[in-house]
Amino acid sequence: MSDNYSLIIKNGSCYIDGKLIKYDIGLYENKIKKIGNIEENNSKVYDASGKVVLPGIIDTQVHFREPGSTDAEDLESGSRAAVLGGVTSLFEMPNTNPPTANLVEFEKKLKAAKNRMHSNYAFYFGATPQNTEQLAQLKMWKVVVV
């Protein structure tokens, strides 16, 4: 493996084996490639001295209100709030108004999310007795059916 990283997080305290240990984290293409002591090179460096470095949280059951009740929350505001709380990946439930339980509504949800989500995301598709014929078509989107 090359010692080139797209980002090196230096001097942060990492929770490893039940202890906070000061380590560096080397990332390449948004993936952790090394945790340990890393010598600086031509990579971008972020000094995390005095900070605790934690992994992002994955929330597999969020209830945003788009469409239907966007006065309460929408995809953009909900994902922005999630990121500010340390959530880097989220799965949005289908119980909106109308529900994300048919291909038309699912397509609308994907379009609504484009360039508005501030985290990694996935959408659940609601399974009902009325939409069983559409479930097989979802394989092309790699979705989870609930």
N, C-alpha and C. Protein backbone atom coordinates (compact mmCIF):
# COMPACT_ATOMS: atom_id res chain seq x y z
N MET A 1 0.81 -1.17 0.00
CA MET A 1 0.00 0.00 0.00
C MET A 1 0.86 1.24 0.00
N SER A 2 0.47 2.21 -0.77
CA SER A 2 1.18 3.47 -0.87
C SER A 2 0.98 4.28 0.41
N ASP A 3 1.94 5.16 0.69
CA ASP A 3 1.82 6.06 1.82
C ASP A 3 1.13 7.36 1.43
N ASN A 4 0.46 7.38 0.30
CA ASN A 4 -0.27 8.57 -0.11
C ASN A 4 -1.70 8.50 0.40
N TYR A 5 -2.15 9.57 0.99
CA TYR A 5 -3.50 9.66 1.52
C TYR A 5 -4.14 10.92 0.97
N SER A 6 -5.46 10.90 0.86
CA SER A 6 -6.14 12.12 0.46
C SER A 6 -6.32 13.04 1.67
N LEU A 7 -6.30 12.46 2.87
CA LEU A 7 -6.41 13.24 4.10
C LEU A 7 -5.74 12.47 5.22
N ILE A 8 -5.01 13.20 6.06
CA ILE A 8 -4.44 12.64 7.29
C ILE A 8 -5.02 13.45 8.44
N ILE A 9 -5.66 12.76 9.38
CA ILE A 9 -6.14 13.40 10.60
C ILE A 9 -5.07 13.14 11.65
N LYS A 10 -4.38 14.20 12.08
CA LYS A 10 -3.24 14.08 12.99
C LYS A 10 -3.62 14.36 14.43
N ASN A 11 -3.01 13.63 15.34
CA ASN A 11 -3.00 13.92 16.77
C ASN A 11 -4.36 13.84 17.46
N GLY A 12 -5.31 13.16 16.87
CA GLY A 12 -6.62 13.02 17.51
C GLY A 12 -6.62 11.85 18.47
N SER A 13 -7.47 11.91 19.48
CA SER A 13 -7.62 10.80 20.41
C SER A 13 -8.68 9.86 19.86
N CYS A 14 -8.29 8.60 19.68
CA CYS A 14 -9.18 7.58 19.12
C CYS A 14 -9.48 6.56 20.21
N TYR A 15 -10.72 6.11 20.27
CA TYR A 15 -11.13 5.10 21.24
C TYR A 15 -10.82 3.73 20.67
N ILE A 16 -9.75 3.11 21.19
CA ILE A 16 -9.28 1.82 20.69
C ILE A 16 -9.00 0.91 21.88
N ASP A 17 -9.55 -0.30 21.83
CA ASP A 17 -9.35 -1.29 22.90
C ASP A 17 -9.68 -0.73 24.28
N GLY A 18 -10.76 0.04 24.36
CA GLY A 18 -11.22 0.54 25.65
C GLY A 18 -10.47 1.74 26.19
N LYS A 19 -9.58 2.32 25.39
CA LYS A 19 -8.80 3.48 25.85
C LYS A 19 -8.77 4.55 24.78
N LEU A 20 -8.63 5.79 25.21
CA LEU A 20 -8.38 6.88 24.28
C LEU A 20 -6.89 6.96 24.02
N ILE A 21 -6.52 6.78 22.77
CA ILE A 21 -5.10 6.77 22.37
C ILE A 21 -4.90 7.80 21.28
N LYS A 22 -3.83 8.58 21.40
CA LYS A 22 -3.55 9.59 20.38
C LYS A 22 -2.94 8.90 19.16
N TYR A 23 -3.68 8.94 18.06
CA TYR A 23 -3.25 8.32 16.81
C TYR A 23 -3.58 9.23 15.65
N ASP A 24 -2.97 8.92 14.54
CA ASP A 24 -3.29 9.57 13.27
C ASP A 24 -4.16 8.62 12.46
N ILE A 25 -4.96 9.19 11.58
CA ILE A 25 -5.80 8.38 10.70
C ILE A 25 -5.53 8.82 9.27
N GLY A 26 -5.15 7.86 8.43
CA GLY A 26 -4.90 8.14 7.03
C GLY A 26 -6.07 7.66 6.18
N LEU A 27 -6.63 8.56 5.38
CA LEU A 27 -7.75 8.22 4.51
C LEU A 27 -7.34 8.34 3.05
N TYR A 28 -7.89 7.46 2.24
CA TYR A 28 -7.71 7.53 0.80
C TYR A 28 -9.05 7.22 0.16
N GLU A 29 -9.51 8.10 -0.70
CA GLU A 29 -10.82 7.97 -1.36
C GLU A 29 -11.92 7.72 -0.34
N ASN A 30 -11.90 8.53 0.73
CA ASN A 30 -12.93 8.50 1.78
C ASN A 30 -12.98 7.19 2.56
N LYS A 31 -11.92 6.42 2.55
CA LYS A 31 -11.86 5.19 3.33
C LYS A 31 -10.62 5.22 4.21
N ILE A 32 -10.78 4.73 5.43
CA ILE A 32 -9.65 4.66 6.35
C ILE A 32 -8.69 3.59 5.85
N LYS A 33 -7.45 3.98 5.65
CA LYS A 33 -6.41 3.05 5.18
C LYS A 33 -5.40 2.72 6.27
N LYS A 34 -5.26 3.62 7.25
CA LYS A 34 -4.30 3.34 8.31
C LYS A 34 -4.68 4.13 9.56
N ILE A 35 -4.55 3.46 10.72
CA ILE A 35 -4.67 4.11 12.01
C ILE A 35 -3.37 3.84 12.74
N GLY A 36 -2.68 4.87 13.15
CA GLY A 36 -1.38 4.72 13.80
C GLY A 36 -0.61 6.01 13.66
N ASN A 37 0.69 5.91 13.77
CA ASN A 37 1.53 7.09 13.58
C ASN A 37 1.84 7.23 12.10
N ILE A 38 1.46 8.35 11.52
CA ILE A 38 1.64 8.59 10.09
C ILE A 38 2.47 9.85 9.91
N GLU A 39 3.53 9.72 9.16
CA GLU A 39 4.35 10.91 8.87
C GLU A 39 3.66 11.74 7.82
N GLU A 40 3.71 13.06 8.03
CA GLU A 40 3.09 13.95 7.06
C GLU A 40 3.83 13.88 5.74
N ASN A 41 3.05 13.99 4.66
CA ASN A 41 3.64 14.04 3.32
C ASN A 41 2.88 15.11 2.54
N ASN A 42 2.66 14.89 1.28
CA ASN A 42 1.97 15.89 0.48
C ASN A 42 0.45 15.80 0.59
N SER A 43 -0.04 15.03 1.54
CA SER A 43 -1.48 14.87 1.75
C SER A 43 -2.04 16.08 2.49
N LYS A 44 -3.34 16.29 2.36
CA LYS A 44 -4.03 17.29 3.16
C LYS A 44 -4.02 16.82 4.60
N VAL A 45 -3.75 17.72 5.54
CA VAL A 45 -3.65 17.36 6.95
C VAL A 45 -4.63 18.19 7.77
N TYR A 46 -5.36 17.50 8.64
CA TYR A 46 -6.23 18.16 9.60
C TYR A 46 -5.67 17.89 10.98
N ASP A 47 -5.37 18.95 11.75
CA ASP A 47 -4.83 18.79 13.10
C ASP A 47 -5.98 18.63 14.08
N ALA A 48 -6.13 17.44 14.65
CA ALA A 48 -7.20 17.14 15.60
C ALA A 48 -6.70 17.16 17.04
N SER A 49 -5.62 17.89 17.31
CA SER A 49 -5.09 17.98 18.67
C SER A 49 -6.19 18.45 19.62
N GLY A 50 -6.30 17.76 20.75
CA GLY A 50 -7.29 18.13 21.74
C GLY A 50 -8.71 17.67 21.41
N LYS A 51 -8.85 16.90 20.34
CA LYS A 51 -10.18 16.43 19.92
C LYS A 51 -10.25 14.90 19.96
N VAL A 52 -11.46 14.40 20.16
CA VAL A 52 -11.71 12.97 20.10
C VAL A 52 -12.25 12.67 18.71
N VAL A 53 -11.67 11.69 18.04
CA VAL A 53 -12.09 11.30 16.69
C VAL A 53 -12.93 10.04 16.81
N LEU A 54 -14.19 10.13 16.39
CA LEU A 54 -15.12 9.01 16.48
C LEU A 54 -15.64 8.65 15.09
N PRO A 55 -16.05 7.41 14.89
CA PRO A 55 -16.66 7.06 13.60
C PRO A 55 -18.04 7.68 13.49
N GLY A 56 -18.50 7.86 12.27
CA GLY A 56 -19.85 8.37 12.05
C GLY A 56 -20.90 7.35 12.45
N ILE A 57 -22.03 7.83 12.87
CA ILE A 57 -23.14 6.98 13.29
C ILE A 57 -24.02 6.66 12.09
N ILE A 58 -24.56 5.45 12.05
CA ILE A 58 -25.51 5.05 11.03
C ILE A 58 -26.87 4.93 11.71
N ASP A 59 -27.84 5.71 11.24
CA ASP A 59 -29.20 5.66 11.78
C ASP A 59 -30.08 4.97 10.75
N THR A 60 -30.56 3.79 11.08
CA THR A 60 -31.31 2.99 10.12
C THR A 60 -32.82 3.20 10.19
N GLN A 61 -33.27 4.20 10.96
CA GLN A 61 -34.71 4.43 11.03
C GLN A 61 -35.00 5.90 11.30
N VAL A 62 -34.91 6.71 10.27
CA VAL A 62 -35.26 8.12 10.42
C VAL A 62 -36.64 8.36 9.81
N HIS A 63 -37.33 9.36 10.33
CA HIS A 63 -38.68 9.69 9.88
C HIS A 63 -38.72 11.15 9.44
N PHE A 64 -38.20 11.42 8.28
CA PHE A 64 -38.33 12.75 7.71
C PHE A 64 -39.77 12.88 7.21
N ARG A 65 -40.20 14.06 6.93
CA ARG A 65 -41.62 14.28 6.60
C ARG A 65 -41.82 14.83 5.19
N GLU A 66 -40.96 14.38 4.28
CA GLU A 66 -41.11 14.81 2.89
C GLU A 66 -41.40 13.62 2.01
N PRO A 67 -42.52 13.62 1.31
CA PRO A 67 -43.54 14.67 1.23
C PRO A 67 -44.54 14.56 2.38
N GLY A 68 -45.34 15.61 2.52
CA GLY A 68 -46.44 15.57 3.46
C GLY A 68 -46.42 16.62 4.52
N SER A 69 -45.40 16.63 5.36
CA SER A 69 -45.35 17.57 6.48
C SER A 69 -44.00 18.29 6.51
N THR A 70 -43.64 18.90 5.40
CA THR A 70 -42.32 19.54 5.33
C THR A 70 -42.21 20.75 6.25
N ASP A 71 -43.32 21.23 6.80
CA ASP A 71 -43.24 22.29 7.79
C ASP A 71 -42.54 21.79 9.06
N ALA A 72 -42.61 20.49 9.30
CA ALA A 72 -41.93 19.89 10.46
C ALA A 72 -40.47 19.58 10.15
N GLU A 73 -40.23 19.01 8.95
CA GLU A 73 -38.87 18.64 8.56
C GLU A 73 -38.92 18.15 7.12
N ASP A 74 -37.83 18.35 6.41
CA ASP A 74 -37.73 17.80 5.06
C ASP A 74 -36.40 17.06 4.93
N LEU A 75 -36.14 16.53 3.76
CA LEU A 75 -34.91 15.74 3.56
C LEU A 75 -33.66 16.58 3.83
N GLU A 76 -33.65 17.80 3.35
CA GLU A 76 -32.46 18.64 3.52
C GLU A 76 -32.24 19.01 4.99
N SER A 77 -33.27 19.53 5.64
CA SER A 77 -33.09 19.96 7.04
C SER A 77 -32.82 18.76 7.95
N GLY A 78 -33.49 17.63 7.68
CA GLY A 78 -33.28 16.44 8.51
C GLY A 78 -31.88 15.86 8.36
N SER A 79 -31.40 15.82 7.12
CA SER A 79 -30.04 15.27 6.93
C SER A 79 -28.99 16.23 7.46
N ARG A 80 -29.24 17.51 7.34
CA ARG A 80 -28.28 18.50 7.90
C ARG A 80 -28.21 18.35 9.42
N ALA A 81 -29.35 18.22 10.07
CA ALA A 81 -29.37 18.03 11.52
C ALA A 81 -28.67 16.73 11.91
N ALA A 82 -28.89 15.69 11.13
CA ALA A 82 -28.25 14.41 11.42
C ALA A 82 -26.73 14.54 11.38
N VAL A 83 -26.21 15.17 10.36
CA VAL A 83 -24.76 15.33 10.23
C VAL A 83 -24.20 16.15 11.39
N LEU A 84 -24.91 17.19 11.78
CA LEU A 84 -24.44 17.99 12.92
C LEU A 84 -24.41 17.19 14.21
N GLY A 85 -25.21 16.13 14.28
CA GLY A 85 -25.21 15.25 15.45
C GLY A 85 -24.29 14.05 15.31
N GLY A 86 -23.52 13.97 14.22
CA GLY A 86 -22.56 12.87 14.05
C GLY A 86 -23.08 11.70 13.24
N VAL A 87 -24.28 11.83 12.65
CA VAL A 87 -24.83 10.76 11.83
C VAL A 87 -24.34 10.97 10.39
N THR A 88 -23.64 9.98 9.87
CA THR A 88 -23.10 10.12 8.53
C THR A 88 -23.86 9.33 7.48
N SER A 89 -24.71 8.40 7.93
CA SER A 89 -25.50 7.58 7.02
C SER A 89 -26.87 7.37 7.64
N LEU A 90 -27.92 7.48 6.81
CA LEU A 90 -29.26 7.31 7.33
C LEU A 90 -30.16 6.59 6.35
N PHE A 91 -31.17 5.92 6.91
CA PHE A 91 -32.17 5.17 6.15
C PHE A 91 -33.52 5.79 6.49
N GLU A 92 -34.21 6.33 5.50
CA GLU A 92 -35.46 7.02 5.75
C GLU A 92 -36.64 6.08 5.57
N MET A 93 -37.56 6.09 6.53
CA MET A 93 -38.73 5.21 6.52
C MET A 93 -39.76 5.69 5.49
N PRO A 94 -40.65 4.79 5.04
CA PRO A 94 -41.57 5.13 3.95
C PRO A 94 -42.88 5.78 4.39
N ASN A 95 -43.06 6.03 5.69
CA ASN A 95 -44.36 6.50 6.15
C ASN A 95 -44.52 8.03 6.05
N THR A 96 -44.51 8.49 4.80
CA THR A 96 -44.75 9.88 4.50
C THR A 96 -46.16 10.01 3.94
N ASN A 97 -46.53 11.20 3.52
CA ASN A 97 -47.87 11.39 2.97
C ASN A 97 -47.77 12.04 1.59
N PRO A 98 -47.92 11.30 0.52
CA PRO A 98 -48.28 9.88 0.46
C PRO A 98 -47.08 8.99 0.81
N PRO A 99 -47.35 7.75 1.18
CA PRO A 99 -46.28 6.84 1.55
C PRO A 99 -45.37 6.50 0.36
N THR A 100 -44.13 6.20 0.66
CA THR A 100 -43.20 5.73 -0.38
C THR A 100 -43.46 4.24 -0.55
N ALA A 101 -44.54 3.93 -1.27
CA ALA A 101 -44.97 2.53 -1.40
C ALA A 101 -45.37 2.20 -2.83
N ASN A 102 -44.92 3.01 -3.77
CA ASN A 102 -45.11 2.68 -5.19
C ASN A 102 -43.96 3.30 -5.96
N LEU A 103 -43.77 2.85 -7.17
CA LEU A 103 -42.61 3.30 -7.95
C LEU A 103 -42.65 4.79 -8.25
N VAL A 104 -43.82 5.34 -8.44
CA VAL A 104 -43.94 6.78 -8.71
C VAL A 104 -43.43 7.58 -7.52
N GLU A 105 -43.91 7.25 -6.32
CA GLU A 105 -43.48 7.97 -5.12
C GLU A 105 -42.01 7.73 -4.81
N PHE A 106 -41.53 6.53 -5.10
CA PHE A 106 -40.12 6.23 -4.88
C PHE A 106 -39.24 7.09 -5.80
N GLU A 107 -39.61 7.19 -7.04
CA GLU A 107 -38.87 8.05 -8.00
C GLU A 107 -38.89 9.50 -7.52
N LYS A 108 -40.03 9.97 -7.05
CA LYS A 108 -40.12 11.35 -6.54
C LYS A 108 -39.18 11.55 -5.37
N LYS A 109 -39.10 10.54 -4.49
CA LYS A 109 -38.22 10.64 -3.33
C LYS A 109 -36.76 10.72 -3.75
N LEU A 110 -36.37 9.90 -4.74
CA LEU A 110 -34.99 9.94 -5.23
C LEU A 110 -34.67 11.30 -5.84
N LYS A 111 -35.59 11.84 -6.60
CA LYS A 111 -35.38 13.16 -7.21
C LYS A 111 -35.33 14.26 -6.16
N ALA A 112 -36.18 14.16 -5.15
CA ALA A 112 -36.19 15.16 -4.08
C ALA A 112 -34.88 15.17 -3.30
N ALA A 113 -34.24 14.02 -3.21
CA ALA A 113 -33.00 13.90 -2.44
C ALA A 113 -31.79 14.43 -3.20
N LYS A 114 -31.85 14.42 -4.50
CA LYS A 114 -30.69 14.78 -5.31
C LYS A 114 -30.20 16.20 -4.97
N ASN A 115 -28.93 16.28 -4.61
CA ASN A 115 -28.24 17.53 -4.28
C ASN A 115 -28.81 18.24 -3.05
N ARG A 116 -29.60 17.53 -2.24
CA ARG A 116 -30.16 18.15 -1.04
C ARG A 116 -29.78 17.40 0.24
N MET A 117 -29.29 16.18 0.10
CA MET A 117 -28.94 15.40 1.28
C MET A 117 -27.49 15.72 1.69
N HIS A 118 -27.27 15.79 2.99
CA HIS A 118 -25.95 16.14 3.51
C HIS A 118 -25.23 14.93 4.10
N SER A 119 -25.73 13.74 3.83
CA SER A 119 -25.15 12.51 4.38
C SER A 119 -25.34 11.40 3.35
N ASN A 120 -24.77 10.25 3.65
CA ASN A 120 -25.12 9.05 2.87
C ASN A 120 -26.57 8.73 3.21
N TYR A 121 -27.30 8.18 2.27
CA TYR A 121 -28.70 7.92 2.56
C TYR A 121 -29.23 6.75 1.75
N ALA A 122 -30.33 6.19 2.28
CA ALA A 122 -31.09 5.14 1.61
C ALA A 122 -32.55 5.35 1.97
N PHE A 123 -33.44 4.87 1.10
CA PHE A 123 -34.87 4.98 1.35
C PHE A 123 -35.49 3.60 1.40
N TYR A 124 -36.29 3.37 2.40
CA TYR A 124 -37.07 2.15 2.45
C TYR A 124 -38.28 2.30 1.53
N PHE A 125 -38.74 1.18 1.01
CA PHE A 125 -39.94 1.11 0.17
C PHE A 125 -40.98 0.32 0.94
N GLY A 126 -42.14 0.90 1.17
CA GLY A 126 -43.18 0.24 1.95
C GLY A 126 -43.87 -0.86 1.15
N ALA A 127 -43.88 -2.07 1.66
CA ALA A 127 -44.54 -3.19 1.01
C ALA A 127 -45.98 -3.28 1.50
N THR A 128 -46.91 -3.40 0.55
CA THR A 128 -48.32 -3.53 0.88
C THR A 128 -48.92 -4.64 0.01
N PRO A 129 -50.11 -5.13 0.35
CA PRO A 129 -50.75 -6.13 -0.52
C PRO A 129 -51.03 -5.58 -1.92
N GLN A 130 -51.14 -4.26 -2.05
CA GLN A 130 -51.45 -3.65 -3.34
C GLN A 130 -50.23 -3.42 -4.24
N ASN A 131 -49.03 -3.56 -3.74
CA ASN A 131 -47.86 -3.23 -4.58
C ASN A 131 -46.89 -4.39 -4.78
N THR A 132 -47.32 -5.61 -4.56
CA THR A 132 -46.40 -6.75 -4.67
C THR A 132 -45.78 -6.88 -6.05
N GLU A 133 -46.51 -6.50 -7.10
CA GLU A 133 -45.95 -6.61 -8.45
C GLU A 133 -44.81 -5.62 -8.68
N GLN A 134 -44.77 -4.56 -7.91
CA GLN A 134 -43.71 -3.56 -8.08
C GLN A 134 -42.43 -3.92 -7.32
N LEU A 135 -42.55 -4.80 -6.35
CA LEU A 135 -41.40 -5.12 -5.51
C LEU A 135 -40.24 -5.72 -6.30
N ALA A 136 -40.53 -6.57 -7.26
CA ALA A 136 -39.47 -7.19 -8.06
C ALA A 136 -38.72 -6.15 -8.88
N GLN A 137 -39.38 -5.09 -9.26
CA GLN A 137 -38.73 -4.05 -10.06
C GLN A 137 -37.74 -3.23 -9.25
N LEU A 138 -37.79 -3.31 -7.95
CA LEU A 138 -36.92 -2.52 -7.09
C LEU A 138 -35.48 -3.01 -7.07
N LYS A 139 -35.22 -4.22 -7.53
CA LYS A 139 -33.86 -4.76 -7.50
C LYS A 139 -32.88 -3.87 -8.23
N MET A 140 -33.34 -3.17 -9.25
CA MET A 140 -32.42 -2.31 -10.00
C MET A 140 -31.95 -1.13 -9.16
N TRP A 141 -32.70 -0.79 -8.10
CA TRP A 141 -32.29 0.32 -7.23
C TRP A 141 -31.59 -0.17 -5.98
N LYS A 142 -31.51 -1.46 -5.79
CA LYS A 142 -30.88 -2.04 -4.60
C LYS A 142 -31.52 -1.49 -3.33
N VAL A 143 -32.81 -1.65 -3.19
CA VAL A 143 -33.50 -1.11 -2.03
C VAL A 143 -33.90 -2.22 -1.07
N VAL A 144 -34.18 -1.82 0.16
CA VAL A 144 -34.66 -2.72 1.18
C VAL A 144 -36.17 -2.55 1.25
N VAL A 145 -36.90 -3.63 1.25
CA VAL A 145 -38.35 -3.58 1.30
C VAL A 145 -38.79 -3.89 2.73
N VAL A 146 -39.64 -3.01 3.31
CA VAL A 146 -40.16 -3.24 4.67
C VAL A 146 -41.66 -3.42 4.62
